[in-house]
Amino acid sequence: MSSKKRVLITGGAGFLGSHLCDRYLSEGYEVICMDNLITGDADNIAHLIGNDDFSFIDHDVTNYIHVSGDLDLILHFASPASPIDYLEMPIQTLKVGSLGTHKALGLAKAKGARFLLASTSEVYGDPQVHPQQENYWGNVNPIGDRGVYDEAKRFAEAMAMAYHRYHGVETRIVRIFNTYGSRMRIHDGRALPTFMRQALNGNPLTVYGDGSQTRSFTYVDDLVEGIWRLSQSDYTDPVNIGNPQEVTILDFAKEIIELTGSNSTITFEELPKDDPQVRQPDISRAREVLDWEPTFNRKEGLSKTLDYFKKKVLDQ
């Protein structure tokens, strides 16, 4: 019988989930990856197949979850996570945030496992407070197109806290801000993959509105470090993990053109409904509680990511 700690990572074949599989294996855990591959990709975990400490379960977490043996930790990362996904799969997005979170929390309760929820900066909606602190309740349109994702995550946070308070489950909540790195899907609709694909193909970069809306981009290694620290901490309230280095989308597009050496131009299209105008994390809590802050600036992180996107464009 192995003495290793065991972690279940739902959504483990996704962009973030697969990086977490790598990290927890490197920390000596036995990793169980669960994914139904709706938005995940088996290629993201192909390098782990054959590792005795890694196993994969093809399963939809909105159905009853069974895992044999003990579990020490559950990381609940199953969910469509880009606008193009949750606009195409609104019901599945709502179900994984509600039913999936309920099933995963039920498993944590049954196993006596710690539970970490992947929440999102989208719980702040189109914020009227800037930068966003964890005690801000947000400005979300519950019946808008984006509401299926925003409200699913807000519900998931409420469910996690209810299980913590009523059942005594050890819960952790990470609010993830825009993150980038290898294993992103090149057609997932988010700004970075779209700009990279367009620039590397020499196509015009599509900026919505006038490009004055802001985002704060975190390199994936920084995010994974923050999640690791939160999972090992005793802190139960939500924690923002993100890079406070804010940039307008127009300036970000120009950075990608410069990075890739592309001759691409920029075109402007109508801003989608409920698209947040600003997004910047206040990471005071992460600094205080986790002794965490990002170590990669945007130029470093984008440079590390470029080769991955070059290969993805070539493989198209």
Protein backbone atom coordinates (compact mmCIF):
# COMPACT_ATOMS: atom_id res chain seq x y z
CA MET A 1 0.00 0.00 0.00
CA SER A 2 1.46 3.32 -1.09
CA SER A 3 2.14 5.92 1.58
CA LYS A 4 1.96 8.72 -0.98
CA LYS A 5 -0.69 11.38 -0.65
CA ARG A 6 -3.39 11.12 -3.32
CA VAL A 7 -4.98 14.01 -5.22
CA LEU A 8 -7.93 13.96 -7.60
CA ILE A 9 -7.79 16.71 -10.22
CA THR A 10 -11.07 17.20 -12.07
CA GLY A 11 -10.57 18.82 -15.44
CA GLY A 12 -7.05 17.43 -15.24
CA ALA A 13 -6.57 17.19 -19.01
CA GLY A 14 -7.28 20.88 -19.49
CA PHE A 15 -4.80 23.73 -19.79
CA LEU A 16 -4.51 24.44 -16.07
CA GLY A 17 -5.41 20.97 -14.85
CA SER A 18 -2.62 19.30 -16.78
CA HIS A 19 -0.02 21.69 -15.37
CA LEU A 20 -1.36 20.88 -11.91
CA CYS A 21 -0.99 17.15 -12.63
CA ASP A 22 2.68 17.82 -13.37
CA ARG A 23 3.18 19.88 -10.22
CA TYR A 24 1.55 17.48 -7.78
CA LEU A 25 3.44 14.53 -9.27
CA SER A 26 6.66 16.49 -8.77
CA GLU A 27 5.64 17.07 -5.13
CA GLY A 28 5.36 13.30 -4.56
CA TYR A 29 1.60 12.88 -4.86
CA GLU A 30 -0.24 10.09 -6.59
CA VAL A 31 -2.37 11.96 -9.14
CA ILE A 32 -5.77 10.86 -10.42
CA CYS A 33 -6.81 12.93 -13.42
CA MET A 34 -10.54 13.03 -14.21
CA ASP A 35 -11.83 14.62 -17.41
CA ASN A 36 -14.54 13.98 -20.00
CA LEU A 37 -12.40 15.70 -22.66
CA ILE A 38 -15.15 18.08 -23.80
CA THR A 39 -12.66 20.94 -23.62
CA GLY A 40 -9.68 19.03 -22.24
CA ASP A 41 -7.13 17.35 -24.49
CA ALA A 42 -5.56 13.93 -24.01
CA ASP A 43 -2.36 15.32 -25.57
CA ASN A 44 -1.92 17.51 -22.47
CA ILE A 45 -1.40 14.44 -20.31
CA ALA A 46 0.09 12.04 -22.87
CA HIS A 47 3.55 12.47 -21.35
CA LEU A 48 2.21 11.17 -18.02
CA ILE A 49 0.76 7.91 -19.31
CA GLY A 50 2.91 5.09 -17.98
CA ASN A 51 3.85 6.95 -14.81
CA ASP A 52 2.97 4.60 -11.96
CA ASP A 53 1.77 7.53 -9.86
CA PHE A 54 -0.61 8.83 -12.53
CA SER A 55 -3.99 7.51 -13.63
CA PHE A 56 -6.71 8.87 -15.89
CA ILE A 57 -10.48 8.47 -15.51
CA ASP A 58 -12.75 9.52 -18.38
CA HIS A 59 -15.79 10.79 -16.49
CA ASP A 60 -18.33 13.62 -16.41
CA VAL A 61 -18.23 15.05 -12.89
CA THR A 62 -21.88 16.09 -13.04
CA ASN A 63 -22.58 12.38 -12.51
CA TYR A 64 -21.78 10.45 -9.34
CA ILE A 65 -18.01 10.33 -8.79
CA HIS A 66 -16.38 7.14 -7.57
CA VAL A 67 -12.70 6.91 -6.71
CA SER A 68 -11.32 3.82 -4.98
CA GLY A 69 -9.10 4.21 -1.94
CA ASP A 70 -8.19 7.22 0.13
CA LEU A 71 -7.98 10.78 -1.09
CA ASP A 72 -6.13 13.60 0.62
CA LEU A 73 -7.00 16.42 -1.74
CA ILE A 74 -9.45 17.27 -4.53
CA LEU A 75 -8.73 20.08 -6.98
CA HIS A 76 -11.99 20.91 -8.78
CA PHE A 77 -10.96 22.42 -12.13
CA ALA A 78 -13.59 20.85 -14.39
CA SER A 79 -15.39 23.53 -16.41
CA PRO A 80 -15.44 25.16 -19.80
CA ALA A 81 -13.34 28.27 -19.19
CA SER A 82 -13.38 30.51 -22.24
CA PRO A 83 -16.22 32.64 -23.65
CA ILE A 84 -16.42 30.61 -26.84
CA ASP A 85 -16.89 27.44 -24.75
CA TYR A 86 -19.55 28.64 -22.38
CA LEU A 87 -21.47 30.39 -25.16
CA GLU A 88 -21.54 27.08 -27.08
CA MET A 89 -22.15 24.94 -23.95
CA PRO A 90 -24.17 27.08 -21.54
CA ILE A 91 -26.06 24.22 -19.90
CA GLN A 92 -22.95 22.09 -19.40
CA THR A 93 -21.18 25.11 -17.91
CA LEU A 94 -23.97 25.65 -15.40
CA LYS A 95 -24.15 21.94 -14.60
CA VAL A 96 -20.44 21.47 -13.94
CA GLY A 97 -20.41 24.52 -11.66
CA SER A 98 -23.44 23.34 -9.71
CA LEU A 99 -23.92 19.57 -9.97
CA GLY A 100 -20.22 18.93 -10.59
CA THR A 101 -19.17 20.98 -7.58
CA HIS A 102 -21.82 19.25 -5.45
CA LYS A 103 -20.59 15.80 -6.50
CA ALA A 104 -16.93 16.72 -5.93
CA LEU A 105 -17.68 18.21 -2.51
CA GLY A 106 -19.67 15.10 -1.61
CA LEU A 107 -16.64 12.99 -2.46
CA ALA A 108 -14.40 15.25 -0.36
CA LYS A 109 -16.78 14.84 2.58
CA ALA A 110 -16.90 11.05 2.17
CA LYS A 111 -13.10 10.73 1.90
CA GLY A 112 -12.22 13.36 4.51
CA ALA A 113 -10.24 15.14 1.78
CA ARG A 114 -9.34 18.80 1.49
CA PHE A 115 -11.15 20.48 -1.41
CA LEU A 116 -9.81 23.34 -3.55
CA LEU A 117 -12.22 25.10 -5.90
CA ALA A 118 -11.03 26.77 -9.08
CA SER A 119 -13.06 29.95 -9.06
CA THR A 120 -12.44 32.96 -11.25
CA SER A 121 -12.07 36.70 -11.50
CA GLU A 122 -15.33 36.52 -13.46
CA VAL A 123 -17.19 36.41 -10.13
CA TYR A 124 -16.49 40.15 -10.09
CA GLY A 125 -18.31 40.57 -13.41
CA ASP A 126 -17.81 44.02 -14.95
CA PRO A 127 -16.37 45.45 -11.75
CA GLN A 128 -17.14 48.86 -10.32
CA VAL A 129 -14.23 48.51 -7.87
CA HIS A 130 -10.68 48.60 -9.20
CA PRO A 131 -8.44 46.76 -8.56
CA GLN A 132 -10.60 43.89 -7.34
CA GLN A 133 -10.30 42.75 -3.74
CA GLU A 134 -11.74 39.49 -2.46
CA ASN A 135 -14.30 41.32 -0.29
CA TYR A 136 -15.88 42.90 -3.40
CA TRP A 137 -19.16 41.15 -4.25
CA GLY A 138 -19.07 41.90 -7.95
CA ASN A 139 -21.27 43.33 -10.69
CA VAL A 140 -22.62 40.36 -12.66
CA ASN A 141 -25.49 40.20 -15.15
CA PRO A 142 -27.09 36.87 -14.16
CA ILE A 143 -29.15 36.57 -17.37
CA GLY A 144 -26.50 37.71 -19.85
CA ASP A 145 -24.59 35.38 -22.15
CA ARG A 146 -21.59 35.33 -19.80
CA GLY A 147 -23.80 34.80 -16.75
CA VAL A 148 -23.77 31.02 -17.15
CA TYR A 149 -20.06 30.95 -16.27
CA ASP A 150 -20.03 33.81 -13.77
CA GLU A 151 -23.01 32.53 -11.80
CA ALA A 152 -21.87 28.91 -11.95
CA LYS A 153 -18.64 29.93 -10.25
CA ARG A 154 -20.42 32.17 -7.72
CA PHE A 155 -22.73 29.25 -6.89
CA ALA A 156 -19.73 26.93 -6.60
CA GLU A 157 -18.11 29.28 -4.08
CA ALA A 158 -21.32 29.39 -2.04
CA MET A 159 -21.57 25.59 -2.15
CA ALA A 160 -17.95 25.19 -1.04
CA MET A 161 -18.46 27.53 1.91
CA ALA A 162 -21.70 25.76 2.85
CA TYR A 163 -19.89 22.40 2.93
CA HIS A 164 -17.14 24.00 4.98
CA ARG A 165 -19.50 25.54 7.52
CA TYR A 166 -22.14 22.79 7.71
CA HIS A 167 -20.13 19.61 7.08
CA GLY A 168 -16.70 20.74 8.26
CA VAL A 169 -15.05 20.02 4.90
CA GLU A 170 -11.67 21.73 4.54
CA THR A 171 -12.27 24.01 1.56
CA ARG A 172 -10.02 26.43 -0.31
CA ILE A 173 -11.12 28.88 -3.04
CA VAL A 174 -8.77 30.34 -5.63
CA ARG A 175 -10.02 33.18 -7.82
CA ILE A 176 -7.99 32.83 -11.00
CA PHE A 177 -7.27 35.83 -13.20
CA ASN A 178 -6.36 35.64 -16.90
CA THR A 179 -3.64 33.01 -17.28
CA TYR A 180 -1.58 31.94 -20.27
CA GLY A 181 1.07 29.40 -21.20
CA SER A 182 1.62 26.15 -23.06
CA ARG A 183 -1.32 23.75 -23.61
CA MET A 184 -3.85 26.48 -24.30
CA ARG A 185 -6.15 25.59 -27.19
CA ILE A 186 -5.29 27.77 -30.14
CA HIS A 187 -8.95 28.25 -31.06
CA ASP A 188 -10.32 28.68 -27.54
CA GLY A 189 -11.37 32.28 -28.18
CA ARG A 190 -9.34 33.96 -25.46
CA ALA A 191 -7.19 36.98 -26.29
CA LEU A 192 -3.73 35.42 -26.13
CA PRO A 193 -4.28 32.28 -28.26
CA THR A 194 -6.29 34.32 -30.76
CA PHE A 195 -3.65 37.04 -31.07
CA MET A 196 -0.83 34.48 -31.30
CA ARG A 197 -2.62 32.50 -34.01
CA GLN A 198 -3.49 35.61 -36.01
CA ALA A 199 -0.01 37.15 -35.71
CA LEU A 200 1.85 33.94 -36.58
CA ASN A 201 -0.38 33.46 -39.62
CA GLY A 202 0.09 37.10 -40.68
CA ASN A 203 -3.61 37.83 -40.27
CA PRO A 204 -5.07 41.01 -38.74
CA LEU A 205 -5.46 40.86 -34.95
CA THR A 206 -9.08 41.25 -33.84
CA VAL A 207 -9.57 43.76 -31.04
CA TYR A 208 -13.07 44.29 -29.66
CA GLY A 209 -14.34 47.78 -28.93
CA ASP A 210 -11.61 50.38 -28.99
CA GLY A 211 -9.21 48.11 -27.10
CA SER A 212 -9.16 50.30 -24.00
CA GLN A 213 -10.50 47.49 -21.80
CA THR A 214 -7.82 46.05 -19.55
CA ARG A 215 -6.71 42.61 -18.47
CA SER A 216 -3.97 41.30 -16.18
CA PHE A 217 -2.18 38.23 -17.53
CA THR A 218 -0.50 35.61 -15.33
CA TYR A 219 2.06 33.10 -16.58
CA VAL A 220 0.89 29.57 -15.81
CA ASP A 221 3.90 28.61 -13.65
CA ASP A 222 3.13 31.52 -11.31
CA LEU A 223 -0.51 30.48 -11.05
CA VAL A 224 0.38 26.85 -10.31
CA GLU A 225 2.73 27.97 -7.53
CA GLY A 226 -0.06 30.05 -5.97
CA ILE A 227 -2.51 27.16 -6.16
CA TRP A 228 0.04 24.80 -4.61
CA ARG A 229 0.60 27.18 -1.71
CA LEU A 230 -3.12 27.70 -1.17
CA SER A 231 -3.77 23.95 -1.18
CA GLN A 232 -1.17 23.52 1.56
CA SER A 233 -2.41 26.47 3.64
CA ASP A 234 -5.08 26.69 6.33
CA TYR A 235 -6.84 29.68 4.76
CA THR A 236 -10.52 29.19 3.88
CA ASP A 237 -11.67 32.48 2.36
CA PRO A 238 -11.21 33.20 -1.37
CA VAL A 239 -7.77 34.27 -2.57
CA ASN A 240 -7.02 36.15 -5.79
CA ILE A 241 -4.16 34.63 -7.76
CA GLY A 242 -3.14 36.83 -10.66
CA ASN A 243 -0.59 39.27 -11.95
CA PRO A 244 -1.46 42.89 -11.13
CA GLN A 245 0.52 44.08 -14.19
CA GLU A 246 -2.46 45.56 -16.07
CA VAL A 247 -2.49 46.22 -19.82
CA THR A 248 -5.06 47.42 -22.35
CA ILE A 249 -6.11 44.85 -24.93
CA LEU A 250 -4.93 47.17 -27.72
CA ASP A 251 -1.45 47.47 -26.20
CA PHE A 252 -1.43 43.71 -25.59
CA ALA A 253 -2.17 43.10 -29.28
CA LYS A 254 0.73 45.39 -30.22
CA GLU A 255 3.01 43.44 -27.83
CA ILE A 256 2.11 40.16 -29.56
CA ILE A 257 2.80 41.64 -33.00
CA GLU A 258 6.20 42.84 -31.80
CA LEU A 259 7.02 39.55 -30.06
CA THR A 260 6.19 37.44 -33.12
CA GLY A 261 7.82 39.83 -35.59
CA SER A 262 4.58 39.78 -37.54
CA ASN A 263 3.47 42.30 -40.17
CA SER A 264 -0.13 41.91 -38.98
CA THR A 265 -2.39 44.91 -38.67
CA ILE A 266 -5.17 45.41 -36.10
CA THR A 267 -8.88 45.41 -36.86
CA PHE A 268 -11.67 46.49 -34.52
CA GLU A 269 -15.00 44.77 -33.99
CA GLU A 270 -18.01 45.43 -31.78
CA LEU A 271 -17.46 44.79 -28.08
CA PRO A 272 -19.33 41.68 -26.83
CA LYS A 273 -22.14 42.24 -24.33
CA ASP A 274 -21.07 42.37 -20.67
CA ASP A 275 -17.38 42.26 -21.57
CA PRO A 276 -15.56 43.56 -18.47
CA GLN A 277 -13.97 46.97 -18.94
CA VAL A 278 -11.27 46.45 -16.33
CA ARG A 279 -9.62 43.48 -14.69
CA GLN A 280 -6.79 43.71 -12.18
CA PRO A 281 -6.28 41.63 -9.04
CA ASP A 282 -5.48 43.06 -5.66
CA ILE A 283 -3.10 40.36 -4.42
CA SER A 284 -2.52 41.75 -0.93
CA ARG A 285 -4.17 38.67 0.57
CA ALA A 286 -2.03 36.25 -1.45
CA ARG A 287 1.09 38.11 -0.41
CA GLU A 288 0.09 38.07 3.25
CA VAL A 289 -1.40 34.60 3.58
CA LEU A 290 0.64 32.62 1.04
CA ASP A 291 3.78 34.72 0.71
CA TRP A 292 3.04 34.58 -3.01
CA GLU A 293 3.41 37.01 -5.85
CA PRO A 294 4.15 36.48 -9.54
CA THR A 295 7.78 36.11 -10.55
CA PHE A 296 7.40 36.28 -14.35
CA ASN A 297 6.72 39.60 -16.01
CA ARG A 298 4.60 39.54 -19.13
CA LYS A 299 7.52 39.82 -21.57
CA GLU A 300 9.28 36.81 -19.98
CA GLY A 301 6.15 34.70 -19.86
CA LEU A 302 5.12 35.47 -23.44
CA SER A 303 8.61 34.65 -24.68
CA LYS A 304 8.43 31.27 -22.92
CA THR A 305 5.02 30.63 -24.53
CA LEU A 306 5.88 31.64 -28.09
CA ASP A 307 7.51 28.37 -29.20
CA TYR A 308 4.44 26.41 -28.12
CA PHE A 309 2.16 28.56 -30.28
CA LYS A 310 4.57 28.42 -33.22
CA LYS A 311 4.31 24.63 -33.13
CA LYS A 312 0.51 24.72 -32.78
CA VAL A 313 0.20 27.00 -35.80
CA LEU A 314 2.47 24.72 -37.85
CA ASP A 315 0.41 21.68 -36.81
CA GLN A 316 -2.87 23.19 -37.98
